[in-house]
Structures are given as C-alpha cells and as structure tokens.
Amino acid sequence: MSLSKLALGLLVVVFTALAGCGYTPAYAPTGTAQTLRINVAMDAPRNRNDFDLVGQLEQRLGHAQAPKYRLSYKIDTTRDLVGVTPGQRAVRYNIFGKVRYTLTEITSGAVMTSGSTDTFTGYSLDRVVTTTSPPSTNATISTQTAERDAAARLMVALADQIVTRLIASSGAWSK
C-alpha cells in the first residue's frame, strides 16, 4: 500500500470519528458560538489598555449593532524586573496581565459566563548614552515605545484568551 493511500485511509478514519462524536464547528450556522458574532457589546474603554483589549475583542467578535450580551472586564497589570547587568542596571521587564470578565445577557441581566485569564509579555530597555554631549535621549523614547508595544501585545493575548474561553463555554449558555 502506498503512503498516499495510507494517509487517505487515515484521514477518512479521523473524519469519521469526528463526525461520530458530534463535532460541530463553533461558528457554523448551527454552532454554539454563532451567537457571539456581532452580539457582544464591551464596556467602554477608560485607558490605553482597555482600548487595546476592546479593539482586539471587537476584531475577533465583530462590532455589535444590536447587542444581546454585555462583556464587562477588569484588567490588572504589574511590571517585574527580570534582567539586570552585572553592574545592576535594569535591562528587561515583564508585564503580567490578568483580566476578570463577565458576560451578561442584556435583557435579563443573567450572567452567562465569567472567569479570568492571565499571561505576560516582556520588553528590553535601551540605555542612555551619557558619553556624548548632550546625552542621547533616543534610548528613553525607544524604551517608552517598547513598553507601550509590550502592553498592547499583552492586551491582544488576553483578548484572544477571553474569546477562546467564550467560544469553549458557549455550548453551556448560548440559546
């Protein structure tokens, strides 16, 4: 038996097993997560992290025109020094983020699901060159940019985790 016939046979067995276990794509017309698309309104952002989180959530779920659900969230972040030089100069930070979220049905106020998720991202510091006159300030600007970029990446990762959890739990609460 050739390798391609063996692979085709294995593929048929896998798809048959998936069909037998009741596998349905989450966003299929009859999928349980279909109710999430353009039906979830997010709390209004109050700061840059909120804005980045909501932007990614809306990218993944769509912007709700006539929302059925409201997603409330609370973001907590901390910054931790993780890299130092032998001369005790900071060179790398991690930003840890945790989001607690609650999805409620707007009409009834019933909590559909809630939970929390967390992850981290990092960035490196650039150092200021003090041997030049005047001292280089490009390092300060690049460090601020790196920190802002790391925070934005963190919000994207947290939003993606929230959406994944909403999709995974949608079979228990979607109508």
C-alpha atoms as a PDB file:
ATOM      1  CA  MET A   1       0.000   0.000   0.000  1.00  0.00           C
ATOM      2  CA  SER A   2       1.429   3.379  -0.956  1.00  0.00           C
ATOM      3  CA  LEU A   3       1.922   6.176   1.563  1.00  0.00           C
ATOM      4  CA  SER A   4      -0.717   8.381  -0.079  1.00  0.00           C
ATOM      5  CA  LYS A   5      -3.357   5.614   0.127  1.00  0.00           C
ATOM      6  CA  LEU A   6      -2.436   5.015   3.767  1.00  0.00           C
ATOM      7  CA  ALA A   7      -2.695   8.757   4.517  1.00  0.00           C
ATOM      8  CA  LEU A   8      -6.058   8.967   2.723  1.00  0.00           C
ATOM      9  CA  GLY A   9      -7.354   5.991   4.683  1.00  0.00           C
ATOM     10  CA  LEU A  10      -6.199   7.522   7.961  1.00  0.00           C
ATOM     11  CA  LEU A  11      -7.842  10.831   7.040  1.00  0.00           C
ATOM     12  CA  VAL A  12     -11.169   9.083   6.351  1.00  0.00           C
ATOM     13  CA  VAL A  13     -10.976   7.327   9.735  1.00  0.00           C
ATOM     14  CA  VAL A  14     -10.245  10.614  11.547  1.00  0.00           C
ATOM     15  CA  PHE A  15     -13.133  12.486   9.891  1.00  0.00           C
ATOM     16  CA  THR A  16     -15.489   9.580  10.533  1.00  0.00           C
ATOM     17  CA  ALA A  17     -14.512   9.579  14.208  1.00  0.00           C
ATOM     18  CA  LEU A  18     -15.062  13.353  14.452  1.00  0.00           C
ATOM     19  CA  ALA A  19     -18.475  13.073  12.811  1.00  0.00           C
ATOM     20  CA  GLY A  20     -19.399  10.252  15.172  1.00  0.00           C
ATOM     21  CA  CYS A  21     -18.518  12.237  18.288  1.00  0.00           C
ATOM     22  CA  GLY A  22     -20.815  15.113  17.340  1.00  0.00           C
ATOM     23  CA  TYR A  23     -18.093  17.605  16.426  1.00  0.00           C
ATOM     24  CA  THR A  24     -19.581  20.839  15.082  1.00  0.00           C
ATOM     25  CA  PRO A  25     -17.548  23.892  14.133  1.00  0.00           C
ATOM     26  CA  ALA A  26     -18.137  26.653  16.686  1.00  0.00           C
ATOM     27  CA  TYR A  27     -19.030  29.308  14.093  1.00  0.00           C
ATOM     28  CA  ALA A  28     -21.055  27.023  11.831  1.00  0.00           C
ATOM     29  CA  PRO A  29     -24.655  28.159  11.184  1.00  0.00           C
ATOM     30  CA  THR A  30     -25.771  25.757  13.909  1.00  0.00           C
ATOM     31  CA  GLY A  31     -22.627  26.185  16.036  1.00  0.00           C
ATOM     32  CA  THR A  32     -22.972  27.284  19.644  1.00  0.00           C
ATOM     33  CA  ALA A  33     -20.573  30.232  19.287  1.00  0.00           C
ATOM     34  CA  GLN A  34     -22.541  31.724  16.383  1.00  0.00           C
ATOM     35  CA  THR A  35     -24.461  33.853  18.919  1.00  0.00           C
ATOM     36  CA  LEU A  36     -21.210  35.631  19.846  1.00  0.00           C
ATOM     37  CA  ARG A  37     -20.636  37.197  16.404  1.00  0.00           C
ATOM     38  CA  ILE A  38     -21.739  40.869  16.432  1.00  0.00           C
ATOM     39  CA  ASN A  39     -23.889  40.282  19.531  1.00  0.00           C
ATOM     40  CA  VAL A  40     -21.455  41.247  22.292  1.00  0.00           C
ATOM     41  CA  ALA A  41     -21.042  44.858  23.444  1.00  0.00           C
ATOM     42  CA  MET A  42     -17.999  45.644  25.562  1.00  0.00           C
ATOM     43  CA  ASP A  43     -17.739  48.115  28.425  1.00  0.00           C
ATOM     44  CA  ALA A  44     -16.375  51.442  27.210  1.00  0.00           C
ATOM     45  CA  PRO A  45     -12.575  51.723  27.460  1.00  0.00           C
ATOM     46  CA  ARG A  46     -11.204  54.064  30.123  1.00  0.00           C
ATOM     47  CA  ASN A  47      -7.472  53.877  29.363  1.00  0.00           C
ATOM     48  CA  ARG A  48      -4.960  52.637  26.786  1.00  0.00           C
ATOM     49  CA  ASN A  49      -5.031  49.002  27.998  1.00  0.00           C
ATOM     50  CA  ASP A  50      -8.843  48.952  27.915  1.00  0.00           C
ATOM     51  CA  PHE A  51      -8.788  50.438  24.423  1.00  0.00           C
ATOM     52  CA  ASP A  52      -6.346  47.806  23.147  1.00  0.00           C
ATOM     53  CA  LEU A  53      -8.312  44.956  24.779  1.00  0.00           C
ATOM     54  CA  VAL A  54     -11.673  46.135  23.415  1.00  0.00           C
ATOM     55  CA  GLY A  55     -10.169  46.688  19.970  1.00  0.00           C
ATOM     56  CA  GLN A  56      -8.970  43.090  19.787  1.00  0.00           C
ATOM     57  CA  LEU A  57     -12.248  41.749  21.198  1.00  0.00           C
ATOM     58  CA  GLU A  58     -14.184  43.653  18.530  1.00  0.00           C
ATOM     59  CA  GLN A  59     -11.794  42.425  15.854  1.00  0.00           C
ATOM     60  CA  ARG A  60     -12.475  38.831  16.893  1.00  0.00           C
ATOM     61  CA  LEU A  61     -16.208  39.108  17.705  1.00  0.00           C
ATOM     62  CA  GLY A  62     -17.286  41.992  15.485  1.00  0.00           C
ATOM     63  CA  HIS A  63     -18.771  45.337  16.458  1.00  0.00           C
ATOM     64  CA  ALA A  64     -22.246  44.823  17.942  1.00  0.00           C
ATOM     65  CA  GLN A  65     -25.048  46.755  16.238  1.00  0.00           C
ATOM     66  CA  ALA A  66     -27.909  45.390  18.354  1.00  0.00           C
ATOM     67  CA  PRO A  67     -26.100  43.635  21.218  1.00  0.00           C
ATOM     68  CA  LYS A  68     -27.605  40.699  23.038  1.00  0.00           C
ATOM     69  CA  TYR A  69     -24.774  40.383  25.578  1.00  0.00           C
ATOM     70  CA  ARG A  70     -22.502  42.747  27.524  1.00  0.00           C
ATOM     71  CA  LEU A  71     -18.899  41.837  28.309  1.00  0.00           C
ATOM     72  CA  SER A  72     -17.576  43.542  31.444  1.00  0.00           C
ATOM     73  CA  TYR A  73     -13.896  43.278  32.308  1.00  0.00           C
ATOM     74  CA  LYS A  74     -11.317  44.402  34.834  1.00  0.00           C
ATOM     75  CA  ILE A  75      -7.650  44.481  33.875  1.00  0.00           C
ATOM     76  CA  ASP A  76      -4.798  44.278  36.380  1.00  0.00           C
ATOM     77  CA  THR A  77      -1.178  44.602  35.277  1.00  0.00           C
ATOM     78  CA  THR A  78       2.125  44.516  37.102  1.00  0.00           C
ATOM     79  CA  ARG A  79       5.646  45.100  35.869  1.00  0.00           C
ATOM     80  CA  ASP A  80       8.522  42.963  37.119  1.00  0.00           C
ATOM     81  CA  LEU A  81      12.243  43.416  36.564  1.00  0.00           C
ATOM     82  CA  VAL A  82      13.679  40.196  35.116  1.00  0.00           C
ATOM     83  CA  GLY A  83      17.033  41.168  33.638  1.00  0.00           C
ATOM     84  CA  VAL A  84      19.949  43.050  35.130  1.00  0.00           C
ATOM     85  CA  THR A  85      23.528  43.548  34.076  1.00  0.00           C
ATOM     86  CA  PRO A  86      26.470  42.630  36.331  1.00  0.00           C
ATOM     87  CA  GLY A  87      26.571  46.342  37.181  1.00  0.00           C
ATOM     88  CA  GLN A  88      22.959  46.104  38.474  1.00  0.00           C
ATOM     89  CA  ARG A  89      21.402  48.055  35.581  1.00  0.00           C
ATOM     90  CA  ALA A  90      17.885  47.047  34.547  1.00  0.00           C
ATOM     91  CA  VAL A  91      17.725  45.658  31.005  1.00  0.00           C
ATOM     92  CA  ARG A  92      14.436  43.714  30.770  1.00  0.00           C
ATOM     93  CA  TYR A  93      10.954  43.823  32.258  1.00  0.00           C
ATOM     94  CA  ASN A  94       7.967  41.503  32.079  1.00  0.00           C
ATOM     95  CA  ILE A  95       4.443  42.863  32.212  1.00  0.00           C
ATOM     96  CA  PHE A  96       1.966  40.446  33.778  1.00  0.00           C
ATOM     97  CA  GLY A  97      -1.700  40.914  32.993  1.00  0.00           C
ATOM     98  CA  LYS A  98      -4.875  39.420  34.400  1.00  0.00           C
ATOM     99  CA  VAL A  99      -8.397  40.076  33.154  1.00  0.00           C
ATOM    100  CA  ARG A 100     -11.541  39.137  35.038  1.00  0.00           C
ATOM    101  CA  TYR A 101     -14.570  39.117  32.751  1.00  0.00           C
ATOM    102  CA  THR A 102     -18.318  38.591  32.945  1.00  0.00           C
ATOM    103  CA  LEU A 103     -20.691  38.035  30.041  1.00  0.00           C
ATOM    104  CA  THR A 104     -24.278  39.002  30.888  1.00  0.00           C
ATOM    105  CA  GLU A 105     -27.457  38.875  28.860  1.00  0.00           C
ATOM    106  CA  ILE A 106     -28.575  42.476  28.449  1.00  0.00           C
ATOM    107  CA  THR A 107     -32.342  41.924  28.638  1.00  0.00           C
ATOM    108  CA  SER A 108     -32.425  39.703  31.717  1.00  0.00           C
ATOM    109  CA  GLY A 109     -29.164  40.682  33.419  1.00  0.00           C
ATOM    110  CA  ALA A 110     -28.378  36.980  33.816  1.00  0.00           C
ATOM    111  CA  VAL A 111     -24.700  36.052  33.970  1.00  0.00           C
ATOM    112  CA  MET A 112     -23.990  33.711  31.068  1.00  0.00           C
ATOM    113  CA  THR A 113     -20.362  33.021  31.960  1.00  0.00           C
ATOM    114  CA  SER A 114     -17.484  34.584  33.844  1.00  0.00           C
ATOM    115  CA  GLY A 115     -13.871  33.854  34.531  1.00  0.00           C
ATOM    116  CA  SER A 116     -10.364  35.184  34.388  1.00  0.00           C
ATOM    117  CA  THR A 117      -7.305  34.725  32.263  1.00  0.00           C
ATOM    118  CA  ASP A 118      -3.709  35.826  32.566  1.00  0.00           C
ATOM    119  CA  THR A 119      -0.464  35.921  30.640  1.00  0.00           C
ATOM    120  CA  PHE A 120       2.654  38.058  30.304  1.00  0.00           C
ATOM    121  CA  THR A 121       4.893  39.719  27.789  1.00  0.00           C
ATOM    122  CA  GLY A 122       8.249  41.437  28.038  1.00  0.00           C
ATOM    123  CA  TYR A 123      10.385  44.225  26.700  1.00  0.00           C
ATOM    124  CA  SER A 124      14.005  45.291  26.835  1.00  0.00           C
ATOM    125  CA  LEU A 125      15.377  48.627  27.946  1.00  0.00           C
ATOM    126  CA  ASP A 126      17.683  50.674  25.816  1.00  0.00           C
ATOM    127  CA  ARG A 127      20.337  52.548  27.699  1.00  0.00           C
ATOM    128  CA  VAL A 128      21.073  56.232  27.587  1.00  0.00           C
ATOM    129  CA  VAL A 129      24.487  57.051  26.149  1.00  0.00           C
ATOM    130  CA  THR A 130      25.983  59.522  28.624  1.00  0.00           C
ATOM    131  CA  THR A 131      29.385  59.826  26.959  1.00  0.00           C
ATOM    132  CA  THR A 132      28.026  62.042  24.191  1.00  0.00           C
ATOM    133  CA  SER A 133      27.239  65.687  24.624  1.00  0.00           C
ATOM    134  CA  PRO A 134      24.314  66.167  25.005  1.00  0.00           C
ATOM    135  CA  PRO A 135      23.354  62.682  26.280  1.00  0.00           C
ATOM    136  CA  SER A 136      21.309  60.622  23.836  1.00  0.00           C
ATOM    137  CA  THR A 137      17.597  60.623  24.593  1.00  0.00           C
ATOM    138  CA  ASN A 138      16.685  58.183  21.826  1.00  0.00           C
ATOM    139  CA  ALA A 139      17.056  55.390  24.373  1.00  0.00           C
ATOM    140  CA  THR A 140      14.328  56.896  26.564  1.00  0.00           C
ATOM    141  CA  ILE A 141      11.957  57.194  23.626  1.00  0.00           C
ATOM    142  CA  SER A 142      12.667  53.655  22.422  1.00  0.00           C
ATOM    143  CA  THR A 143      12.183  52.275  25.938  1.00  0.00           C
ATOM    144  CA  GLN A 144       8.811  54.009  26.248  1.00  0.00           C
ATOM    145  CA  THR A 145       7.819  52.704  22.823  1.00  0.00           C
ATOM    146  CA  ALA A 146       8.904  49.167  23.739  1.00  0.00           C
ATOM    147  CA  GLU A 147       6.905  49.300  26.986  1.00  0.00           C
ATOM    148  CA  ARG A 148       3.807  50.599  25.185  1.00  0.00           C
ATOM    149  CA  ASP A 149       4.164  47.915  22.497  1.00  0.00           C
ATOM    150  CA  ALA A 150       4.543  45.173  25.121  1.00  0.00           C
ATOM    151  CA  ALA A 151       1.386  46.376  26.898  1.00  0.00           C
ATOM    152  CA  ALA A 152      -0.532  46.366  23.585  1.00  0.00           C
ATOM    153  CA  ARG A 153       0.678  42.831  22.799  1.00  0.00           C
ATOM    154  CA  LEU A 154      -0.403  41.759  26.277  1.00  0.00           C
ATOM    155  CA  MET A 155      -3.938  43.077  25.709  1.00  0.00           C
ATOM    156  CA  VAL A 156      -4.167  41.251  22.373  1.00  0.00           C
ATOM    157  CA  ALA A 157      -3.134  37.974  24.020  1.00  0.00           C
ATOM    158  CA  LEU A 158      -5.602  38.455  26.885  1.00  0.00           C
ATOM    159  CA  ALA A 159      -8.451  39.318  24.490  1.00  0.00           C
ATOM    160  CA  ASP A 160      -7.703  36.240  22.397  1.00  0.00           C
ATOM    161  CA  GLN A 161      -7.823  34.069  25.519  1.00  0.00           C
ATOM    162  CA  ILE A 162     -11.168  35.585  26.549  1.00  0.00           C
ATOM    163  CA  VAL A 163     -12.661  34.886  23.117  1.00  0.00           C
ATOM    164  CA  THR A 164     -11.355  31.318  23.193  1.00  0.00           C
ATOM    165  CA  ARG A 165     -12.983  30.761  26.594  1.00  0.00           C
ATOM    166  CA  LEU A 166     -16.263  32.326  25.442  1.00  0.00           C
ATOM    167  CA  ILE A 167     -16.308  30.030  22.411  1.00  0.00           C
ATOM    168  CA  ALA A 168     -15.447  26.983  24.520  1.00  0.00           C
ATOM    169  CA  SER A 169     -18.178  27.704  27.073  1.00  0.00           C
ATOM    170  CA  SER A 170     -20.856  28.846  24.593  1.00  0.00           C
ATOM    171  CA  GLY A 171     -22.446  25.397  24.411  1.00  0.00           C
ATOM    172  CA  ALA A 172     -23.480  25.695  28.075  1.00  0.00           C
ATOM    173  CA  TRP A 173     -25.192  29.082  27.847  1.00  0.00           C
ATOM    174  CA  SER A 174     -25.997  30.063  24.242  1.00  0.00           C
ATOM    175  CA  LYS A 175     -29.592  29.967  23.056  1.00  0.00           C
END
